[in-house]
Amino acid sequence: MNALKIVGVVLIVAGILGLVYGSFSFTKETHEAKIGPLELSVKDKETINIPVWAGVGAIVVGAVLLVVPGKR
């Protein structure tokens, strides 16, 4: 299996996951303060929405990469 086929499969899987889940969230620390023995930190939860067109586009491009004949 050549590199184009692997990239095609990865794009198809990523596109399907994007359509199924639709978004993902993560937590990042934005501020941190240490004043003597006291430690304060602020954590923000951020959510990233994955557009439907991006998931469908990844599936289509992945399918095209699987169909296109590779070099021999």
Foldseek 3Di string as FASTA:
>chain_A
DDPLLVQLVVLLVVLVVCVVPQKDKDKDWDDWDDDPPDIDTDIDIDMDGDDNVSSVVSNVSSVVSNPDDDDD
